[in-house]
Amino acid sequence: QGLNYVVARANQDNLISNEGDVFRAHEFHYTKLNIDKTDSLVFD
């Protein structure tokens, strides 16, 4: 479901970053989260 090097930006202050922070990471997963709205998602 996701296998990538990631670049993400915080769209609001949160537990680990401030709004506007950009960081690199990675993702690898076969699972999916059954979510249908983005209002609680803090990373672009």
All heavy atoms as atom14 arrays in JSON, in Angstrom:
{
  "sequence": "QGLNYVVARANQDNLISNEGDVFRAHEFHYTKLNIDKTDSLVFD",
  "atom14_mask": [
    [1, 1, 1, 1, 1, 1, 1, 1, 1, 0, 0, 0, 0, 0],
    [1, 1, 1, 1, 0, 0, 0, 0, 0, 0, 0, 0, 0, 0],
    [1, 1, 1, 1, 1, 1, 1, 1, 0, 0, 0, 0, 0, 0],
    [1, 1, 1, 1, 1, 1, 1, 1, 0, 0, 0, 0, 0, 0],
    [1, 1, 1, 1, 1, 1, 1, 1, 1, 1, 1, 1, 0, 0],
    [1, 1, 1, 1, 1, 1, 1, 0, 0, 0, 0, 0, 0, 0],
    [1, 1, 1, 1, 1, 1, 1, 0, 0, 0, 0, 0, 0, 0],
    [1, 1, 1, 1, 1, 0, 0, 0, 0, 0, 0, 0, 0, 0],
    [1, 1, 1, 1, 1, 1, 1, 1, 1, 1, 1, 0, 0, 0],
    [1, 1, 1, 1, 1, 0, 0, 0, 0, 0, 0, 0, 0, 0],
    [1, 1, 1, 1, 1, 1, 1, 1, 0, 0, 0, 0, 0, 0],
    [1, 1, 1, 1, 1, 1, 1, 1, 1, 0, 0, 0, 0, 0],
    [1, 1, 1, 1, 1, 1, 1, 1, 0, 0, 0, 0, 0, 0],
    [1, 1, 1, 1, 1, 1, 1, 1, 0, 0, 0, 0, 0, 0],
    [1, 1, 1, 1, 1, 1, 1, 1, 0, 0, 0, 0, 0, 0],
    [1, 1, 1, 1, 1, 1, 1, 1, 0, 0, 0, 0, 0, 0],
    [1, 1, 1, 1, 1, 1, 0, 0, 0, 0, 0, 0, 0, 0],
    [1, 1, 1, 1, 1, 1, 1, 1, 0, 0, 0, 0, 0, 0],
    [1, 1, 1, 1, 1, 1, 1, 1, 1, 0, 0, 0, 0, 0],
    [1, 1, 1, 1, 0, 0, 0, 0, 0, 0, 0, 0, 0, 0],
    [1, 1, 1, 1, 1, 1, 1, 1, 0, 0, 0, 0, 0, 0],
    [1, 1, 1, 1, 1, 1, 1, 0, 0, 0, 0, 0, 0, 0],
    [1, 1, 1, 1, 1, 1, 1, 1, 1, 1, 1, 0, 0, 0],
    [1, 1, 1, 1, 1, 1, 1, 1, 1, 1, 1, 0, 0, 0],
    [1, 1, 1, 1, 1, 0, 0, 0, 0, 0, 0, 0, 0, 0],
    [1, 1, 1, 1, 1, 1, 1, 1, 1, 1, 0, 0, 0, 0],
    [1, 1, 1, 1, 1, 1, 1, 1, 1, 0, 0, 0, 0, 0],
    [1, 1, 1, 1, 1, 1, 1, 1, 1, 1, 1, 0, 0, 0],
    [1, 1, 1, 1, 1, 1, 1, 1, 1, 1, 0, 0, 0, 0],
    [1, 1, 1, 1, 1, 1, 1, 1, 1, 1, 1, 1, 0, 0],
    [1, 1, 1, 1, 1, 1, 1, 0, 0, 0, 0, 0, 0, 0],
    [1, 1, 1, 1, 1, 1, 1, 1, 1, 0, 0, 0, 0, 0],
    [1, 1, 1, 1, 1, 1, 1, 1, 0, 0, 0, 0, 0, 0],
    [1, 1, 1, 1, 1, 1, 1, 1, 0, 0, 0, 0, 0, 0],
    [1, 1, 1, 1, 1, 1, 1, 1, 0, 0, 0, 0, 0, 0],
    [1, 1, 1, 1, 1, 1, 1, 1, 0, 0, 0, 0, 0, 0],
    [1, 1, 1, 1, 1, 1, 1, 1, 1, 0, 0, 0, 0, 0],
    [1, 1, 1, 1, 1, 1, 1, 0, 0, 0, 0, 0, 0, 0],
    [1, 1, 1, 1, 1, 1, 1, 1, 0, 0, 0, 0, 0, 0],
    [1, 1, 1, 1, 1, 1, 0, 0, 0, 0, 0, 0, 0, 0],
    [1, 1, 1, 1, 1, 1, 1, 1, 0, 0, 0, 0, 0, 0],
    [1, 1, 1, 1, 1, 1, 1, 0, 0, 0, 0, 0, 0, 0],
    [1, 1, 1, 1, 1, 1, 1, 1, 1, 1, 1, 0, 0, 0],
    [1, 1, 1, 1, 1, 1, 1, 1, 0, 0, 0, 0, 0, 0]
  ],
  "atom14_positions": [
    [[0.82, -1.21, 0.0], [0.0, 0.0, 0.0], [0.85, 1.26, 0.0], [0.39, 2.32, -0.39], [-0.93, 0.0, 1.22], [-1.92, -1.13, 1.23], [-2.88, -1.06, 0.07], [-3.53, -0.03, -0.15], [-2.98, -2.14, -0.69], [0.0, 0.0, 0.0], [0.0, 0.0, 0.0], [0.0, 0.0, 0.0], [0.0, 0.0, 0.0], [0.0, 0.0, 0.0]],
    [[2.08, 1.13, 0.47], [2.99, 2.26, 0.49], [4.42, 1.78, 0.58], [4.76, 1.03, 1.49], [0.0, 0.0, 0.0], [0.0, 0.0, 0.0], [0.0, 0.0, 0.0], [0.0, 0.0, 0.0], [0.0, 0.0, 0.0], [0.0, 0.0, 0.0], [0.0, 0.0, 0.0], [0.0, 0.0, 0.0], [0.0, 0.0, 0.0], [0.0, 0.0, 0.0]],
    [[5.24, 2.15, -0.37], [6.66, 1.81, -0.37], [7.38, 2.97, -1.03], [7.43, 3.08, -2.25], [6.93, 0.51, -1.13], [8.39, 0.13, -1.33], [9.12, 0.02, 0.0], [8.51, -1.16, -2.12], [0.0, 0.0, 0.0], [0.0, 0.0, 0.0], [0.0, 0.0, 0.0], [0.0, 0.0, 0.0], [0.0, 0.0, 0.0], [0.0, 0.0, 0.0]],
    [[7.88, 3.89, -0.2], [8.46, 5.12, -0.72], [9.4, 5.76, 0.27], [9.26, 5.58, 1.48], [7.35, 6.16, -0.98], [6.79, 6.12, -2.37], [7.53, 6.23, -3.33], [5.48, 5.95, -2.46], [0.0, 0.0, 0.0], [0.0, 0.0, 0.0], [0.0, 0.0, 0.0], [0.0, 0.0, 0.0], [0.0, 0.0, 0.0], [0.0, 0.0, 0.0]],
    [[10.32, 6.53, -0.28], [10.95, 7.56, 0.53], [9.96, 8.7, 0.56], [9.33, 9.01, -0.44], [12.29, 7.99, -0.05], [13.36, 6.95, 0.13], [13.84, 6.23, -0.96], [13.87, 6.68, 1.39], [14.81, 5.26, -0.8], [14.85, 5.7, 1.55], [15.3, 4.99, 0.46], [16.25, 4.03, 0.64], [0.0, 0.0, 0.0], [0.0, 0.0, 0.0]],
    [[9.79, 9.29, 1.72], [8.74, 10.28, 1.93], [9.34, 11.65, 2.21], [10.37, 11.76, 2.87], [7.87, 9.85, 3.15], [6.87, 10.92, 3.52], [7.18, 8.54, 2.85], [0.0, 0.0, 0.0], [0.0, 0.0, 0.0], [0.0, 0.0, 0.0], [0.0, 0.0, 0.0], [0.0, 0.0, 0.0], [0.0, 0.0, 0.0], [0.0, 0.0, 0.0]],
    [[8.7, 12.67, 1.68], [8.94, 14.05, 2.11], [7.59, 14.54, 2.61], [6.58, 14.45, 1.89], [9.45, 14.95, 0.96], [9.63, 16.38, 1.45], [10.76, 14.4, 0.4], [0.0, 0.0, 0.0], [0.0, 0.0, 0.0], [0.0, 0.0, 0.0], [0.0, 0.0, 0.0], [0.0, 0.0, 0.0], [0.0, 0.0, 0.0], [0.0, 0.0, 0.0]],
    [[7.56, 15.02, 3.84], [6.3, 15.47, 4.44], [6.46, 16.85, 5.06], [7.56, 17.23, 5.46], [5.84, 14.47, 5.5], [0.0, 0.0, 0.0], [0.0, 0.0, 0.0], [0.0, 0.0, 0.0], [0.0, 0.0, 0.0], [0.0, 0.0, 0.0], [0.0, 0.0, 0.0], [0.0, 0.0, 0.0], [0.0, 0.0, 0.0], [0.0, 0.0, 0.0]],
    [[5.34, 17.56, 5.12], [5.33, 18.89, 5.73], [4.16, 18.94, 6.72], [3.05, 18.56, 6.4], [5.13, 19.97, 4.66], [5.09, 21.4, 5.24], [4.92, 22.47, 4.17], [3.76, 22.2, 3.34], [3.77, 22.18, 2.01], [4.87, 22.46, 1.34], [2.67, 21.92, 1.32], [0.0, 0.0, 0.0], [0.0, 0.0, 0.0], [0.0, 0.0, 0.0]],
    [[4.45, 19.42, 7.93], [3.4, 19.57, 8.93], [2.47, 20.71, 8.54], [2.93, 21.83, 8.29], [4.01, 19.83, 10.3], [0.0, 0.0, 0.0], [0.0, 0.0, 0.0], [0.0, 0.0, 0.0], [0.0, 0.0, 0.0], [0.0, 0.0, 0.0], [0.0, 0.0, 0.0], [0.0, 0.0, 0.0], [0.0, 0.0, 0.0], [0.0, 0.0, 0.0]],
    [[1.17, 20.43, 8.46], [0.21, 21.49, 8.12], [-0.36, 22.16, 9.36], [-1.16, 23.08, 9.26], [-0.9, 20.96, 7.19], [-1.69, 19.83, 7.81], [-2.06, 19.87, 8.98], [-1.96, 18.8, 7.01], [0.0, 0.0, 0.0], [0.0, 0.0, 0.0], [0.0, 0.0, 0.0], [0.0, 0.0, 0.0], [0.0, 0.0, 0.0], [0.0, 0.0, 0.0]],
    [[0.08, 21.7, 10.54], [-0.29, 22.33, 11.81], [0.68, 21.85, 12.89], [1.35, 20.84, 12.71], [-1.73, 21.99, 12.19], [-1.99, 20.51, 12.35], [-3.46, 20.22, 12.56], [-3.95, 20.29, 13.67], [-4.17, 19.91, 11.47], [0.0, 0.0, 0.0], [0.0, 0.0, 0.0], [0.0, 0.0, 0.0], [0.0, 0.0, 0.0], [0.0, 0.0, 0.0]],
    [[0.75, 22.57, 13.98], [1.56, 22.11, 15.12], [1.01, 20.78, 15.6], [-0.21, 20.56, 15.61], [1.51, 23.12, 16.26], [2.22, 24.43, 15.96], [2.92, 24.51, 14.93], [2.07, 25.37, 16.76], [0.0, 0.0, 0.0], [0.0, 0.0, 0.0], [0.0, 0.0, 0.0], [0.0, 0.0, 0.0], [0.0, 0.0, 0.0], [0.0, 0.0, 0.0]],
    [[1.91, 19.89, 16.0], [1.49, 18.58, 16.5], [2.52, 18.07, 17.49], [3.46, 18.78, 17.85], [1.26, 17.61, 15.34], [2.49, 17.42, 14.49], [3.44, 16.77, 14.89], [2.49, 18.04, 13.3], [0.0, 0.0, 0.0], [0.0, 0.0, 0.0], [0.0, 0.0, 0.0], [0.0, 0.0, 0.0], [0.0, 0.0, 0.0], [0.0, 0.0, 0.0]],
    [[2.37, 16.86, 17.91], [3.2, 16.27, 18.96], [4.68, 16.25, 18.64], [5.51, 16.34, 19.54], [2.69, 14.84, 19.22], [3.16, 14.09, 20.44], [2.79, 14.83, 21.72], [2.56, 12.69, 20.46], [0.0, 0.0, 0.0], [0.0, 0.0, 0.0], [0.0, 0.0, 0.0], [0.0, 0.0, 0.0], [0.0, 0.0, 0.0], [0.0, 0.0, 0.0]],
    [[5.04, 16.15, 17.36], [6.46, 16.0, 17.01], [7.01, 17.1, 16.11], [8.21, 17.12, 15.86], [6.72, 14.62, 16.35], [5.96, 14.5, 15.04], [6.39, 13.49, 17.31], [6.44, 13.39, 14.15], [0.0, 0.0, 0.0], [0.0, 0.0, 0.0], [0.0, 0.0, 0.0], [0.0, 0.0, 0.0], [0.0, 0.0, 0.0], [0.0, 0.0, 0.0]],
    [[6.15, 17.98, 15.61], [6.65, 19.01, 14.7], [5.79, 20.26, 14.76], [4.67, 20.23, 15.28], [6.72, 18.48, 13.26], [5.47, 17.97, 12.85], [0.0, 0.0, 0.0], [0.0, 0.0, 0.0], [0.0, 0.0, 0.0], [0.0, 0.0, 0.0], [0.0, 0.0, 0.0], [0.0, 0.0, 0.0], [0.0, 0.0, 0.0], [0.0, 0.0, 0.0]],
    [[6.34, 21.32, 14.23], [5.63, 22.6, 14.16], [5.12, 22.81, 12.74], [5.7, 22.3, 11.78], [6.56, 23.75, 14.55], [7.07, 23.61, 15.96], [6.31, 23.27, 16.86], [8.36, 23.83, 16.15], [0.0, 0.0, 0.0], [0.0, 0.0, 0.0], [0.0, 0.0, 0.0], [0.0, 0.0, 0.0], [0.0, 0.0, 0.0], [0.0, 0.0, 0.0]],
    [[4.05, 23.56, 12.62], [3.5, 23.86, 11.3], [4.6, 24.38, 10.38], [5.4, 25.25, 10.76], [2.39, 24.91, 11.42], [1.74, 25.23, 10.1], [0.59, 26.22, 10.23], [0.28, 26.65, 11.36], [0.03, 26.56, 9.19], [0.0, 0.0, 0.0], [0.0, 0.0, 0.0], [0.0, 0.0, 0.0], [0.0, 0.0, 0.0], [0.0, 0.0, 0.0]],
    [[4.67, 23.81, 9.19], [5.67, 24.21, 8.2], [6.93, 23.38, 8.21], [7.7, 23.42, 7.25], [0.0, 0.0, 0.0], [0.0, 0.0, 0.0], [0.0, 0.0, 0.0], [0.0, 0.0, 0.0], [0.0, 0.0, 0.0], [0.0, 0.0, 0.0], [0.0, 0.0, 0.0], [0.0, 0.0, 0.0], [0.0, 0.0, 0.0], [0.0, 0.0, 0.0]],
    [[7.19, 22.61, 9.29], [8.37, 21.73, 9.32], [8.3, 20.73, 8.17], [7.27, 20.11, 7.94], [8.45, 20.95, 10.63], [8.91, 21.79, 11.81], [9.27, 22.97, 11.62], [8.9, 21.26, 12.95], [0.0, 0.0, 0.0], [0.0, 0.0, 0.0], [0.0, 0.0, 0.0], [0.0, 0.0, 0.0], [0.0, 0.0, 0.0], [0.0, 0.0, 0.0]],
    [[9.42, 20.57, 7.47], [9.53, 19.59, 6.4], [10.56, 18.56, 6.82], [11.62, 18.92, 7.34], [9.95, 20.26, 5.07], [10.17, 19.21, 3.97], [8.9, 21.26, 4.63], [0.0, 0.0, 0.0], [0.0, 0.0, 0.0], [0.0, 0.0, 0.0], [0.0, 0.0, 0.0], [0.0, 0.0, 0.0], [0.0, 0.0, 0.0], [0.0, 0.0, 0.0]],
    [[10.25, 17.29, 6.62], [11.2, 16.23, 6.98], [11.11, 15.09, 5.98], [10.13, 14.95, 5.25], [10.95, 15.73, 8.41], [9.55, 15.23, 8.65], [9.23, 13.91, 8.43], [8.56, 16.09, 9.1], [7.95, 13.45, 8.64], [7.28, 15.64, 9.32], [6.96, 14.3, 9.09], [0.0, 0.0, 0.0], [0.0, 0.0, 0.0], [0.0, 0.0, 0.0]],
    [[12.16, 14.29, 5.96], [12.23, 13.12, 5.09], [12.08, 11.87, 5.95], [12.49, 11.86, 7.1], [13.54, 13.11, 4.31], [13.54, 14.16, 3.23], [14.91, 14.4, 2.64], [14.85, 15.29, 1.49], [14.57, 16.58, 1.54], [14.31, 17.16, 2.69], [14.54, 17.31, 0.45], [0.0, 0.0, 0.0], [0.0, 0.0, 0.0], [0.0, 0.0, 0.0]],
    [[11.51, 10.84, 5.36], [11.26, 9.61, 6.1], [11.06, 8.48, 5.09], [11.41, 8.63, 3.92], [10.01, 9.79, 6.98], [0.0, 0.0, 0.0], [0.0, 0.0, 0.0], [0.0, 0.0, 0.0], [0.0, 0.0, 0.0], [0.0, 0.0, 0.0], [0.0, 0.0, 0.0], [0.0, 0.0, 0.0], [0.0, 0.0, 0.0], [0.0, 0.0, 0.0]],
    [[10.49, 7.36, 5.54], [10.13, 6.3, 4.59], [8.86, 5.62, 5.06], [8.46, 5.73, 6.22], [11.28, 5.29, 4.39], [11.51, 4.4, 5.58], [10.89, 3.17, 5.71], [12.27, 4.55, 6.68], [11.29, 2.61, 6.84], [12.11, 3.43, 7.44], [0.0, 0.0, 0.0], [0.0, 0.0, 0.0], [0.0, 0.0, 0.0], [0.0, 0.0, 0.0]],
    [[8.2, 4.93, 4.13], [7.0, 4.17, 4.44], [7.06, 2.83, 3.72], [7.57, 2.73, 2.6], [5.73, 4.93, 4.03], [5.62, 5.22, 2.55], [4.37, 5.99, 2.16], [3.37, 5.95, 2.9], [4.39, 6.62, 1.1], [0.0, 0.0, 0.0], [0.0, 0.0, 0.0], [0.0, 0.0, 0.0], [0.0, 0.0, 0.0], [0.0, 0.0, 0.0]],
    [[6.56, 1.79, 4.39], [6.47, 0.45, 3.8], [5.4, -0.3, 4.56], [5.57, -0.61, 5.74], [7.82, -0.27, 3.88], [7.75, -1.69, 3.39], [7.25, -1.97, 2.13], [8.19, -2.72, 4.18], [7.18, -3.29, 1.67], [8.13, -4.04, 3.73], [7.63, -4.33, 2.47], [0.0, 0.0, 0.0], [0.0, 0.0, 0.0], [0.0, 0.0, 0.0]],
    [[4.28, -0.58, 3.92], [3.21, -1.28, 4.61], [2.26, -1.96, 3.63], [2.02, -1.47, 2.53], [2.43, -0.32, 5.51], [1.87, 0.88, 4.82], [0.58, 0.95, 4.37], [2.44, 2.06, 4.48], [0.36, 2.13, 3.8], [1.49, 2.82, 3.84], [0.0, 0.0, 0.0], [0.0, 0.0, 0.0], [0.0, 0.0, 0.0], [0.0, 0.0, 0.0]],
    [[1.75, -3.1, 4.07], [0.72, -3.83, 3.35], [-0.66, -3.58, 3.93], [-1.66, -3.98, 3.37], [1.0, -5.34, 3.41], [2.02, -5.81, 2.41], [3.38, -5.68, 2.66], [1.63, -6.41, 1.21], [4.32, -6.13, 1.76], [2.57, -6.86, 0.29], [3.91, -6.72, 0.57], [4.84, -7.15, -0.33], [0.0, 0.0, 0.0], [0.0, 0.0, 0.0]],
    [[-0.72, -2.93, 5.07], [-2.0, -2.64, 5.7], [-2.56, -1.34, 5.14], [-1.84, -0.53, 4.57], [-1.86, -2.5, 7.23], [-0.93, -1.46, 7.51], [-1.42, -3.8, 7.86], [0.0, 0.0, 0.0], [0.0, 0.0, 0.0], [0.0, 0.0, 0.0], [0.0, 0.0, 0.0], [0.0, 0.0, 0.0], [0.0, 0.0, 0.0], [0.0, 0.0, 0.0]],
    [[-3.87, -1.17, 5.36], [-4.47, 0.12, 5.05], [-5.4, 0.49, 6.19], [-6.01, -0.37, 6.83], [-5.17, 0.13, 3.7], [-6.49, -0.55, 3.65], [-7.12, -0.34, 2.27], [-8.5, -0.96, 2.24], [-9.16, -0.79, 0.98], [0.0, 0.0, 0.0], [0.0, 0.0, 0.0], [0.0, 0.0, 0.0], [0.0, 0.0, 0.0], [0.0, 0.0, 0.0]],
    [[-5.46, 1.77, 6.46], [-6.34, 2.31, 7.48], [-7.63, 2.74, 6.79], [-7.59, 3.45, 5.79], [-5.66, 3.51, 8.16], [-6.31, 4.03, 9.44], [-6.19, 3.01, 10.56], [-5.68, 5.34, 9.85], [0.0, 0.0, 0.0], [0.0, 0.0, 0.0], [0.0, 0.0, 0.0], [0.0, 0.0, 0.0], [0.0, 0.0, 0.0], [0.0, 0.0, 0.0]],
    [[-8.75, 2.31, 7.3], [-10.05, 2.61, 6.68], [-10.55, 3.97, 7.15], [-11.44, 4.08, 7.97], [-11.05, 1.51, 7.0], [-10.65, 0.19, 6.37], [-10.27, 0.14, 5.21], [-10.66, -0.87, 7.16], [0.0, 0.0, 0.0], [0.0, 0.0, 0.0], [0.0, 0.0, 0.0], [0.0, 0.0, 0.0], [0.0, 0.0, 0.0], [0.0, 0.0, 0.0]],
    [[-9.93, 5.0, 6.59], [-10.25, 6.38, 6.92], [-10.78, 7.06, 5.66], [-10.27, 6.8, 4.57], [-8.99, 7.1, 7.48], [-9.29, 8.55, 7.87], [-7.83, 7.01, 6.53], [-8.12, 9.24, 8.57], [0.0, 0.0, 0.0], [0.0, 0.0, 0.0], [0.0, 0.0, 0.0], [0.0, 0.0, 0.0], [0.0, 0.0, 0.0], [0.0, 0.0, 0.0]],
    [[-11.8, 7.89, 5.8], [-12.39, 8.5, 4.62], [-12.4, 10.02, 4.66], [-12.98, 10.66, 3.8], [-13.81, 7.99, 4.4], [-14.71, 8.24, 5.59], [-14.25, 8.86, 6.58], [-15.88, 7.82, 5.55], [0.0, 0.0, 0.0], [0.0, 0.0, 0.0], [0.0, 0.0, 0.0], [0.0, 0.0, 0.0], [0.0, 0.0, 0.0], [0.0, 0.0, 0.0]],
    [[-11.76, 10.6, 5.67], [-11.7, 12.06, 5.75], [-10.31, 12.49, 6.21], [-9.6, 11.74, 6.89], [-12.77, 12.61, 6.68], [-12.77, 11.98, 8.05], [-13.98, 12.42, 8.85], [-13.97, 11.72, 10.2], [-15.1, 12.09, 11.01], [0.0, 0.0, 0.0], [0.0, 0.0, 0.0], [0.0, 0.0, 0.0], [0.0, 0.0, 0.0], [0.0, 0.0, 0.0]],
    [[-9.94, 13.69, 5.83], [-8.57, 14.15, 6.1], [-8.48, 15.2, 7.2], [-7.4, 15.72, 7.46], [-7.94, 14.72, 4.81], [-8.73, 15.81, 4.36], [-7.83, 13.66, 3.73], [0.0, 0.0, 0.0], [0.0, 0.0, 0.0], [0.0, 0.0, 0.0], [0.0, 0.0, 0.0], [0.0, 0.0, 0.0], [0.0, 0.0, 0.0], [0.0, 0.0, 0.0]],
    [[-9.58, 15.51, 7.86], [-9.55, 16.63, 8.82], [-8.68, 16.39, 10.03], [-8.28, 17.33, 10.69], [-10.98, 17.03, 9.24], [-11.77, 15.89, 9.85], [-11.48, 14.72, 9.54], [-12.7, 16.19, 10.61], [0.0, 0.0, 0.0], [0.0, 0.0, 0.0], [0.0, 0.0, 0.0], [0.0, 0.0, 0.0], [0.0, 0.0, 0.0], [0.0, 0.0, 0.0]],
    [[-8.36, 15.13, 10.35], [-7.49, 14.86, 11.5], [-6.05, 14.58, 11.09], [-5.23, 14.2, 11.92], [-8.03, 13.67, 12.3], [-7.97, 12.48, 11.53], [0.0, 0.0, 0.0], [0.0, 0.0, 0.0], [0.0, 0.0, 0.0], [0.0, 0.0, 0.0], [0.0, 0.0, 0.0], [0.0, 0.0, 0.0], [0.0, 0.0, 0.0], [0.0, 0.0, 0.0]],
    [[-5.7, 14.77, 9.8], [-4.36, 14.45, 9.3], [-3.47, 15.69, 9.3], [-3.84, 16.72, 8.74], [-4.45, 13.85, 7.89], [-5.3, 12.58, 7.8], [-5.36, 12.09, 6.36], [-4.76, 11.48, 8.7], [0.0, 0.0, 0.0], [0.0, 0.0, 0.0], [0.0, 0.0, 0.0], [0.0, 0.0, 0.0], [0.0, 0.0, 0.0], [0.0, 0.0, 0.0]],
    [[-2.31, 15.59, 9.93], [-1.47, 16.76, 10.17], [-0.24, 16.87, 9.27], [0.48, 17.85, 9.36], [-1.04, 16.84, 11.66], [-2.24, 16.94, 12.57], [-0.16, 15.65, 12.06], [0.0, 0.0, 0.0], [0.0, 0.0, 0.0], [0.0, 0.0, 0.0], [0.0, 0.0, 0.0], [0.0, 0.0, 0.0], [0.0, 0.0, 0.0], [0.0, 0.0, 0.0]],
    [[-0.01, 15.88, 8.39], [1.13, 15.95, 7.48], [0.65, 15.92, 6.03], [-0.13, 15.05, 5.64], [2.08, 14.77, 7.68], [2.68, 14.68, 9.05], [2.65, 13.49, 9.77], [3.3, 15.78, 9.64], [3.19, 13.4, 11.03], [3.85, 15.7, 10.91], [3.8, 14.51, 11.6], [0.0, 0.0, 0.0], [0.0, 0.0, 0.0], [0.0, 0.0, 0.0]],
    [[1.14, 16.87, 5.24], [0.97, 16.82, 3.79], [2.15, 16.03, 3.24], [3.31, 16.38, 3.5], [0.98, 18.23, 3.19], [-0.19, 19.08, 3.68], [-1.3, 18.53, 3.83], [0.02, 20.29, 3.91], [0.0, 0.0, 0.0], [0.0, 0.0, 0.0], [0.0, 0.0, 0.0], [0.0, 0.0, 0.0], [0.0, 0.0, 0.0], [0.0, 0.0, 0.0]]
  ]
}
